[in-house]
Amino acid sequence: MLSPSLAQEIAGDTSAVIGLNVLITDSEGVVIGSGDSSRIGTFHEASVEVMRTQEAAIHTATQAQELKGVRAGVTLPLVMDGHAVGTVGITGTPAQVRRFGLVVKRQTEILLRESAVLRSRVVRERVLEDLLADVATYDAAVVEPDFVVFRAAEVGFDLRLRRIAVVVEVSASGGTSGARHRAGPPVPDTSLVRSELLRTVREVFADPQDVVAGAAPGWIGVLHRLPEQRSISRVMTACQRLTDLVGVQHGLEARVGIGEPATTVGGLHDSYQDACDALRLGSRVSPELPVHLVSDLRAHQLLAATGHHTRTRLLALTAADLREQPDWPVLRDTVVAWCENGFNLVRASSALHIHRNTLVYRMNKIEQISGRPLRDHRTTLALYLACLADQLDTQP
């Protein structure tokens, strides 16, 4: 608890402020911090009795001569949680040191408590990062799931509860739409506000069972406890709120990927990988949206797994003539909307924000150029996949 580096920092700074030498000992009475560096590592005999009684002791020059390593001054116990962990001494005549003794003792104990709290937070953050990494890199062929469950239980998390993985990417590339048009200070580097970003994410995902940890620079992972009565739509709402908070509080831009619910370590691993895919693919095909569900991107995920060559070949064999048209992006989006809205004219035109007649015109054009009727679901689905492949390979 009382490290030599911290003791030396406190002793050196305090000595400079009060103009008297301050020394700090450990629980064995050995000097580990002092304004007079020659005393570091020496034994301070008076500290032993002071720690035993937890009472301050003042020594005159004559009294100090009878004790090993002691000079005239005052020695006070440093008490943490009712236990003496060391002492702090001030060198000088009793008249000089008496007025400084209690103040220095209290200030030193405050600094020790703050240091202990900081170390505790750092240790906990590392534990959470390790737990998230255990799930993200889980391999059933290498690690038993019970081992991961046990490690999580050691720090208070039950991985057998129903959970869903969420991945948050925060960047300084312009901030949110609201922050982008606002005059103000420069956008901060995400690495400099990491702890504040973690705090913001924990404001939104505040369940005691929610695991929130840094995954990489600019990335935060969440293993969110998902009660049975809580729907995915509520998770999406929470993620929308998170992106707003990151923009307002930090002037940064946040994008979110959401996996699928899981109740096992293997399922949670898949959910985390799905969340990463949702974030990566969603940002490419729908860059205007900040939150992406993997369930909306399964076809994209499958196409992404096939490789660039396979996607290119599918596109060439299925939509070559359509791609030559100057309005290909419009035609592509029309095919996508037609398929994703159940081959329904009303819903598809609404999704495209166009009149029904405009949609009919576009569909007729697509049929004439491709030579394939859009009401033939098998051929249309192949064309749909080709359009998705083009989205993946043309978006930045």
Protein backbone atom coordinates (compact mmCIF):
# COMPACT_ATOMS: atom_id res chain seq x y z
CA MET A 1 0.00 0.00 0.00
CA LEU A 2 2.86 2.38 0.86
CA SER A 3 5.19 2.22 -2.13
CA PRO A 4 8.71 3.73 -2.01
CA SER A 5 8.07 5.84 -5.10
CA LEU A 6 4.92 7.38 -3.63
CA ALA A 7 6.59 7.85 -0.23
CA GLN A 8 9.53 9.65 -1.79
CA GLU A 9 7.25 11.89 -3.84
CA ILE A 10 5.20 12.87 -0.76
CA ALA A 11 8.24 13.38 1.46
CA GLY A 12 10.12 15.43 -1.14
CA ASP A 13 7.18 17.69 -1.98
CA THR A 14 6.17 18.22 1.67
CA SER A 15 9.74 18.99 2.74
CA ALA A 16 9.97 21.67 0.04
CA VAL A 17 6.69 23.26 1.18
CA ILE A 18 7.26 23.43 4.97
CA GLY A 19 11.02 23.94 4.89
CA LEU A 20 11.68 21.03 7.27
CA ASN A 21 12.81 17.52 6.44
CA VAL A 22 9.96 15.02 6.21
CA LEU A 23 10.60 11.29 6.19
CA ILE A 24 8.27 8.34 5.71
CA THR A 25 8.87 4.78 6.89
CA ASP A 26 7.27 1.49 5.95
CA SER A 27 5.63 -0.95 8.35
CA GLU A 28 9.08 -2.26 9.37
CA GLY A 29 10.43 1.15 10.37
CA VAL A 30 12.67 1.47 7.30
CA VAL A 31 12.86 4.95 5.73
CA ILE A 32 11.43 4.77 2.18
CA GLY A 33 10.95 8.49 1.56
CA SER A 34 12.82 11.55 2.79
CA GLY A 35 13.65 15.11 1.87
CA ASP A 36 17.19 14.11 2.90
CA SER A 37 18.03 11.31 0.46
CA SER A 38 20.89 10.06 2.65
CA ARG A 39 18.35 8.70 5.16
CA ILE A 40 16.53 6.47 2.67
CA GLY A 41 17.02 2.80 3.52
CA THR A 42 18.02 3.46 7.13
CA PHE A 43 16.20 2.11 10.16
CA HIS A 44 14.10 4.57 12.20
CA GLU A 45 13.74 3.01 15.63
CA ALA A 46 11.11 5.41 16.98
CA SER A 47 8.67 4.29 14.27
CA VAL A 48 8.32 0.82 15.74
CA GLU A 49 6.75 2.04 18.98
CA VAL A 50 4.69 4.70 17.22
CA MET A 51 3.12 2.05 14.95
CA ARG A 52 2.49 -0.27 17.89
CA THR A 53 0.64 2.37 19.93
CA GLN A 54 -0.66 4.42 16.98
CA GLU A 55 0.28 7.47 19.05
CA ALA A 56 2.55 10.36 18.01
CA ALA A 57 5.93 10.72 19.71
CA ILE A 58 8.08 13.85 20.11
CA HIS A 59 11.81 13.50 20.69
CA THR A 60 14.26 16.15 21.81
CA ALA A 61 17.82 16.06 20.55
CA THR A 62 18.91 14.26 23.74
CA GLN A 63 16.16 11.64 23.46
CA ALA A 64 16.83 11.12 19.78
CA GLN A 65 20.46 10.23 20.45
CA GLU A 66 19.32 7.15 22.37
CA LEU A 67 17.38 5.78 19.37
CA LYS A 68 18.84 4.38 16.17
CA GLY A 69 18.36 6.54 13.09
CA VAL A 70 16.27 9.13 14.95
CA ARG A 71 16.73 12.91 15.07
CA ALA A 72 14.94 15.56 17.05
CA GLY A 73 11.37 16.05 15.88
CA VAL A 74 7.99 14.33 15.79
CA THR A 75 6.95 10.89 14.52
CA LEU A 76 3.31 10.16 13.71
CA PRO A 77 1.56 6.94 12.65
CA LEU A 78 0.06 6.59 9.17
CA VAL A 79 -3.21 4.74 9.69
CA MET A 80 -5.27 3.15 6.91
CA ASP A 81 -8.46 1.22 7.70
CA GLY A 82 -7.49 1.11 11.38
CA HIS A 83 -4.02 -0.34 10.76
CA ALA A 84 -0.68 1.46 10.95
CA VAL A 85 1.06 1.06 7.60
CA GLY A 86 4.05 3.27 8.35
CA THR A 87 5.01 6.57 9.92
CA VAL A 88 5.73 10.13 8.90
CA GLY A 89 8.39 12.11 10.73
CA ILE A 90 9.35 15.78 10.73
CA THR A 91 12.86 16.79 11.77
CA GLY A 92 13.27 19.87 13.99
CA THR A 93 12.86 21.12 17.51
CA PRO A 94 9.54 20.27 19.23
CA ALA A 95 8.49 23.92 19.01
CA GLN A 96 9.07 23.90 15.22
CA VAL A 97 7.45 20.62 14.33
CA ARG A 98 4.44 20.55 16.65
CA ARG A 99 2.40 22.91 14.47
CA PHE A 100 3.10 20.88 11.31
CA GLY A 101 2.71 17.36 12.67
CA LEU A 102 -1.03 16.71 12.44
CA VAL A 103 -1.41 18.55 9.13
CA VAL A 104 1.37 16.56 7.46
CA LYS A 105 0.00 13.29 8.86
CA ARG A 106 -3.51 13.96 7.58
CA GLN A 107 -2.33 15.15 4.18
CA THR A 108 -0.13 12.08 3.79
CA GLU A 109 -2.99 9.74 4.69
CA ILE A 110 -5.26 11.49 2.18
CA LEU A 111 -2.67 11.03 -0.56
CA LEU A 112 -2.26 7.37 0.39
CA ARG A 113 -6.02 6.78 0.19
CA GLU A 114 -6.24 8.49 -3.20
CA SER A 115 -3.35 6.39 -4.45
CA ALA A 116 -5.01 3.20 -3.17
CA VAL A 117 -8.29 4.10 -4.88
CA LEU A 118 -6.50 4.89 -8.14
CA ARG A 119 -4.58 1.61 -8.03
CA SER A 120 -7.80 -0.25 -7.31
CA ARG A 121 -9.49 1.36 -10.32
CA VAL A 122 -6.55 0.57 -12.58
CA VAL A 123 -6.52 -3.06 -11.45
CA ARG A 124 -10.27 -3.38 -11.99
CA GLU A 125 -10.04 -1.87 -15.48
CA ARG A 126 -7.37 -4.41 -16.37
CA VAL A 127 -9.51 -7.24 -15.02
CA LEU A 128 -12.47 -6.08 -17.12
CA GLU A 129 -10.27 -5.78 -20.21
CA ASP A 130 -8.98 -9.32 -19.65
CA LEU A 131 -12.52 -10.63 -19.23
CA LEU A 132 -13.66 -8.97 -22.45
CA ALA A 133 -10.59 -10.38 -24.22
CA ASP A 134 -11.39 -13.87 -22.87
CA VAL A 135 -14.79 -13.68 -24.55
CA ALA A 136 -13.59 -11.99 -27.75
CA THR A 137 -10.82 -14.55 -28.35
CA TYR A 138 -12.60 -17.60 -26.94
CA ASP A 139 -11.83 -20.86 -28.74
CA ALA A 140 -13.65 -23.98 -27.56
CA ALA A 141 -10.79 -26.14 -28.87
CA VAL A 142 -8.32 -24.40 -26.57
CA VAL A 143 -10.23 -23.23 -23.48
CA GLU A 144 -13.01 -24.86 -21.51
CA PRO A 145 -16.06 -22.57 -21.21
CA ASP A 146 -16.29 -23.32 -17.48
CA PHE A 147 -12.85 -21.75 -17.02
CA VAL A 148 -14.03 -18.45 -18.54
CA VAL A 149 -17.23 -18.59 -16.44
CA PHE A 150 -15.14 -19.20 -13.31
CA ARG A 151 -12.78 -16.29 -14.03
CA ALA A 152 -15.74 -13.99 -14.57
CA ALA A 153 -17.39 -15.16 -11.34
CA GLU A 154 -14.20 -14.30 -9.42
CA VAL A 155 -14.80 -10.62 -10.23
CA GLY A 156 -18.57 -10.75 -9.73
CA PHE A 157 -19.95 -11.43 -13.23
CA ASP A 158 -22.20 -14.35 -14.15
CA LEU A 159 -21.68 -15.18 -17.82
CA ARG A 160 -24.56 -17.67 -17.70
CA LEU A 161 -27.03 -14.79 -17.66
CA ARG A 162 -28.67 -13.77 -20.94
CA ARG A 163 -26.42 -11.15 -22.49
CA ILE A 164 -25.85 -9.31 -25.75
CA ALA A 165 -22.58 -7.92 -27.02
CA VAL A 166 -22.26 -4.28 -28.04
CA VAL A 167 -19.19 -2.70 -29.63
CA VAL A 168 -18.66 1.07 -29.65
CA GLU A 169 -16.19 2.84 -31.94
CA VAL A 170 -15.40 6.45 -31.06
CA SER A 171 -13.53 8.69 -33.45
CA ALA A 172 -12.45 12.29 -33.71
CA SER A 173 -13.19 12.51 -37.42
CA GLY A 174 -15.58 15.41 -37.25
CA GLY A 175 -17.82 14.51 -34.33
CA THR A 176 -21.57 14.00 -34.51
CA SER A 177 -23.76 15.88 -36.92
CA GLY A 178 -24.66 18.30 -34.15
CA ALA A 179 -21.07 18.92 -33.15
CA ARG A 180 -19.84 19.13 -36.74
CA HIS A 181 -21.53 22.47 -37.40
CA ARG A 182 -20.83 23.96 -34.01
CA ALA A 183 -17.98 26.37 -33.40
CA GLY A 184 -15.86 25.34 -30.46
CA PRO A 185 -12.58 23.90 -29.27
CA PRO A 186 -10.71 21.28 -31.32
CA VAL A 187 -12.05 17.72 -31.18
CA PRO A 188 -10.07 15.80 -28.53
CA ASP A 189 -8.01 12.70 -29.13
CA THR A 190 -10.01 9.65 -28.02
CA SER A 191 -6.99 8.26 -26.15
CA LEU A 192 -6.91 11.35 -23.93
CA VAL A 193 -10.53 10.98 -22.79
CA ARG A 194 -10.61 7.21 -22.47
CA SER A 195 -11.69 7.13 -18.82
CA GLU A 196 -14.38 9.75 -19.46
CA LEU A 197 -15.71 7.75 -22.41
CA LEU A 198 -15.86 4.60 -20.28
CA ARG A 199 -17.80 6.56 -17.68
CA THR A 200 -20.28 7.73 -20.33
CA VAL A 201 -20.80 4.20 -21.63
CA ARG A 202 -21.38 3.01 -18.06
CA GLU A 203 -24.01 5.71 -17.59
CA VAL A 204 -26.02 4.06 -20.35
CA PHE A 205 -25.16 0.43 -19.53
CA ALA A 206 -25.50 0.75 -15.77
CA ASP A 207 -26.61 -2.75 -14.76
CA PRO A 208 -24.17 -4.12 -12.13
CA GLN A 209 -23.78 -7.18 -14.36
CA ASP A 210 -22.82 -5.15 -17.45
CA VAL A 211 -19.18 -5.67 -18.43
CA VAL A 212 -17.82 -2.45 -19.96
CA ALA A 213 -14.15 -2.29 -20.94
CA GLY A 214 -11.74 -0.83 -23.44
CA ALA A 215 -11.12 -3.25 -26.30
CA ALA A 216 -8.60 -1.21 -28.33
CA PRO A 217 -7.79 2.48 -28.84
CA GLY A 218 -11.09 4.12 -29.71
CA TRP A 219 -13.04 0.89 -29.10
CA ILE A 220 -15.18 -0.06 -26.11
CA GLY A 221 -16.85 -3.43 -25.68
CA VAL A 222 -19.98 -4.13 -23.64
CA LEU A 223 -21.35 -7.50 -22.51
CA HIS A 224 -24.78 -6.22 -21.59
CA ARG A 225 -27.06 -8.21 -19.34
CA LEU A 226 -30.32 -8.61 -21.23
CA PRO A 227 -33.29 -9.50 -19.00
CA GLU A 228 -35.91 -11.69 -20.63
CA GLN A 229 -38.43 -8.87 -20.75
CA ARG A 230 -36.03 -6.46 -22.43
CA SER A 231 -36.23 -6.38 -26.21
CA ILE A 232 -33.52 -5.67 -28.76
CA SER A 233 -35.33 -2.44 -29.65
CA ARG A 234 -34.64 -1.13 -26.15
CA VAL A 235 -30.97 -1.94 -26.58
CA MET A 236 -31.01 0.02 -29.84
CA THR A 237 -32.63 2.96 -28.06
CA ALA A 238 -29.92 2.85 -25.40
CA CYS A 239 -27.24 2.80 -28.08
CA GLN A 240 -28.82 5.77 -29.87
CA ARG A 241 -28.76 7.64 -26.57
CA LEU A 242 -25.10 6.70 -26.13
CA THR A 243 -24.11 8.13 -29.51
CA ASP A 244 -25.90 11.36 -28.61
CA LEU A 245 -24.14 11.57 -25.22
CA VAL A 246 -20.72 11.00 -26.76
CA GLY A 247 -21.36 13.83 -29.20
CA VAL A 248 -22.72 16.26 -26.61
CA GLN A 249 -20.34 15.48 -23.73
CA HIS A 250 -17.12 14.80 -25.65
CA GLY A 251 -17.54 16.31 -29.13
CA LEU A 252 -16.76 12.92 -30.67
CA GLU A 253 -18.53 10.63 -33.12
CA ALA A 254 -19.67 7.20 -31.93
CA ARG A 255 -20.81 4.23 -33.99
CA VAL A 256 -22.27 1.10 -32.47
CA GLY A 257 -22.60 -2.53 -33.53
CA ILE A 258 -25.00 -4.92 -31.77
CA GLY A 259 -24.81 -8.74 -31.76
CA GLU A 260 -27.39 -11.36 -30.86
CA PRO A 261 -28.53 -12.51 -27.37
CA ALA A 262 -26.54 -15.41 -25.87
CA THR A 263 -26.47 -17.48 -22.67
CA THR A 264 -23.19 -19.39 -23.10
CA VAL A 265 -19.55 -18.38 -23.41
CA GLY A 266 -19.45 -19.67 -26.98
CA GLY A 267 -22.64 -17.82 -27.84
CA LEU A 268 -21.34 -14.64 -26.24
CA HIS A 269 -18.14 -14.94 -28.27
CA ASP A 270 -20.23 -15.20 -31.44
CA SER A 271 -22.35 -12.25 -30.32
CA TYR A 272 -19.21 -10.14 -29.82
CA GLN A 273 -17.85 -11.08 -33.26
CA ASP A 274 -21.28 -10.33 -34.74
CA ALA A 275 -21.27 -6.91 -33.08
CA CYS A 276 -17.87 -6.18 -34.62
CA ASP A 277 -19.15 -7.28 -38.04
CA ALA A 278 -22.29 -5.17 -37.63
CA LEU A 279 -20.20 -2.11 -36.85
CA ARG A 280 -17.79 -2.70 -39.74
CA LEU A 281 -20.38 -3.64 -42.37
CA GLY A 282 -23.06 -1.24 -41.22
CA SER A 283 -20.67 1.69 -41.41
CA ARG A 284 -19.95 0.76 -45.03
CA VAL A 285 -23.47 0.15 -46.35
CA SER A 286 -25.33 2.72 -44.19
CA PRO A 287 -22.75 5.33 -43.14
CA GLU A 288 -25.50 7.80 -42.26
CA LEU A 289 -26.71 5.55 -39.39
CA PRO A 290 -24.83 5.43 -36.05
CA VAL A 291 -26.28 2.13 -34.75
CA HIS A 292 -26.23 -1.20 -36.59
CA LEU A 293 -27.85 -4.56 -35.77
CA VAL A 294 -26.16 -7.68 -37.06
CA SER A 295 -29.61 -9.20 -37.66
CA ASP A 296 -30.11 -6.55 -40.35
CA LEU A 297 -26.79 -7.39 -41.97
CA ARG A 298 -26.69 -11.18 -42.13
CA ALA A 299 -26.63 -11.24 -45.93
CA HIS A 300 -23.82 -8.67 -45.98
CA GLN A 301 -21.95 -10.71 -43.38
CA LEU A 302 -22.24 -13.85 -45.49
CA LEU A 303 -21.10 -12.04 -48.62
CA ALA A 304 -18.16 -10.47 -46.79
CA ALA A 305 -17.04 -13.94 -45.74
CA THR A 306 -16.96 -15.18 -49.36
CA GLY A 307 -14.11 -12.92 -50.39
CA HIS A 308 -13.70 -10.11 -52.90
CA HIS A 309 -13.16 -12.39 -55.94
CA THR A 310 -16.39 -14.32 -55.39
CA ARG A 311 -18.39 -11.11 -54.89
CA THR A 312 -16.91 -9.55 -58.02
CA ARG A 313 -17.76 -12.63 -60.09
CA LEU A 314 -21.35 -12.69 -58.77
CA LEU A 315 -21.77 -9.03 -59.67
CA ALA A 316 -20.31 -9.51 -63.15
CA LEU A 317 -22.49 -12.52 -63.95
CA THR A 318 -25.70 -11.08 -62.49
CA ALA A 319 -25.71 -7.33 -62.97
CA ALA A 320 -23.11 -6.45 -65.62
CA ASP A 321 -25.56 -4.62 -67.92
CA LEU A 322 -27.16 -2.74 -65.05
CA ARG A 323 -23.78 -1.57 -63.74
CA GLU A 324 -23.08 0.12 -67.07
CA GLN A 325 -26.03 2.46 -66.55
CA PRO A 326 -25.20 5.99 -65.33
CA ASP A 327 -27.91 5.69 -62.66
CA TRP A 328 -26.65 2.31 -61.40
CA PRO A 329 -26.54 3.39 -57.71
CA VAL A 330 -30.23 4.35 -57.95
CA LEU A 331 -31.14 1.08 -59.66
CA ARG A 332 -29.10 -0.90 -57.12
CA ASP A 333 -30.84 0.77 -54.19
CA THR A 334 -34.19 0.09 -55.84
CA VAL A 335 -33.49 -3.65 -56.04
CA VAL A 336 -32.35 -3.68 -52.41
CA ALA A 337 -35.44 -1.82 -51.19
CA TRP A 338 -37.75 -4.08 -53.29
CA CYS A 339 -36.31 -7.24 -51.71
CA GLU A 340 -35.94 -5.92 -48.17
CA ASN A 341 -39.55 -4.77 -48.09
CA GLY A 342 -41.09 -8.10 -49.00
CA PHE A 343 -41.54 -7.38 -52.74
CA ASN A 344 -44.25 -4.89 -51.76
CA LEU A 345 -44.67 -1.74 -53.88
CA VAL A 346 -46.09 0.43 -51.11
CA ARG A 347 -43.44 -0.44 -48.51
CA ALA A 348 -40.57 -0.28 -51.00
CA SER A 349 -41.57 3.13 -52.38
CA SER A 350 -41.96 4.42 -48.84
CA ALA A 351 -38.49 3.17 -47.92
CA LEU A 352 -37.03 4.92 -50.98
CA HIS A 353 -39.09 8.08 -50.34
CA ILE A 354 -40.43 8.04 -53.91
CA HIS A 355 -43.87 7.83 -55.50
CA ARG A 356 -45.22 4.38 -56.30
CA ASN A 357 -45.26 5.17 -60.02
CA THR A 358 -41.59 6.12 -59.89
CA LEU A 359 -40.80 2.76 -58.36
CA VAL A 360 -42.78 0.97 -61.07
CA TYR A 361 -40.85 2.92 -63.73
CA ARG A 362 -37.52 1.94 -62.20
CA MET A 363 -38.52 -1.71 -61.89
CA ASN A 364 -39.57 -1.82 -65.55
CA LYS A 365 -36.22 -0.36 -66.53
CA ILE A 366 -34.34 -2.94 -64.43
CA GLU A 367 -36.35 -5.78 -66.01
CA GLN A 368 -35.72 -4.54 -69.54
CA ILE A 369 -31.97 -4.14 -69.04
CA SER A 370 -31.38 -7.32 -67.04
CA GLY A 371 -33.88 -9.44 -68.91
CA ARG A 372 -35.16 -10.82 -65.61
CA PRO A 373 -38.61 -10.27 -64.07
CA LEU A 374 -38.33 -8.81 -60.57
CA ARG A 375 -41.30 -10.86 -59.45
CA ASP A 376 -39.32 -14.05 -60.01
CA HIS A 377 -37.99 -14.37 -56.49
CA ARG A 378 -35.11 -16.73 -57.24
CA THR A 379 -33.49 -14.58 -59.91
CA THR A 380 -34.30 -11.41 -58.00
CA LEU A 381 -32.61 -12.72 -54.86
CA ALA A 382 -29.46 -13.41 -56.86
CA LEU A 383 -29.60 -9.85 -58.17
CA TYR A 384 -30.21 -8.62 -54.62
CA LEU A 385 -27.07 -10.37 -53.38
CA ALA A 386 -25.09 -8.88 -56.25
CA CYS A 387 -26.33 -5.41 -55.26
CA LEU A 388 -25.27 -6.02 -51.66
CA ALA A 389 -21.86 -7.15 -52.89
CA ASP A 390 -21.52 -3.90 -54.81
CA GLN A 391 -22.42 -1.94 -51.65
CA LEU A 392 -19.68 -3.72 -49.72
CA ASP A 393 -17.02 -3.11 -52.34
CA THR A 394 -17.83 0.48 -53.31
CA GLN A 395 -18.42 2.08 -49.91
CA PRO A 396 -15.31 3.57 -48.22
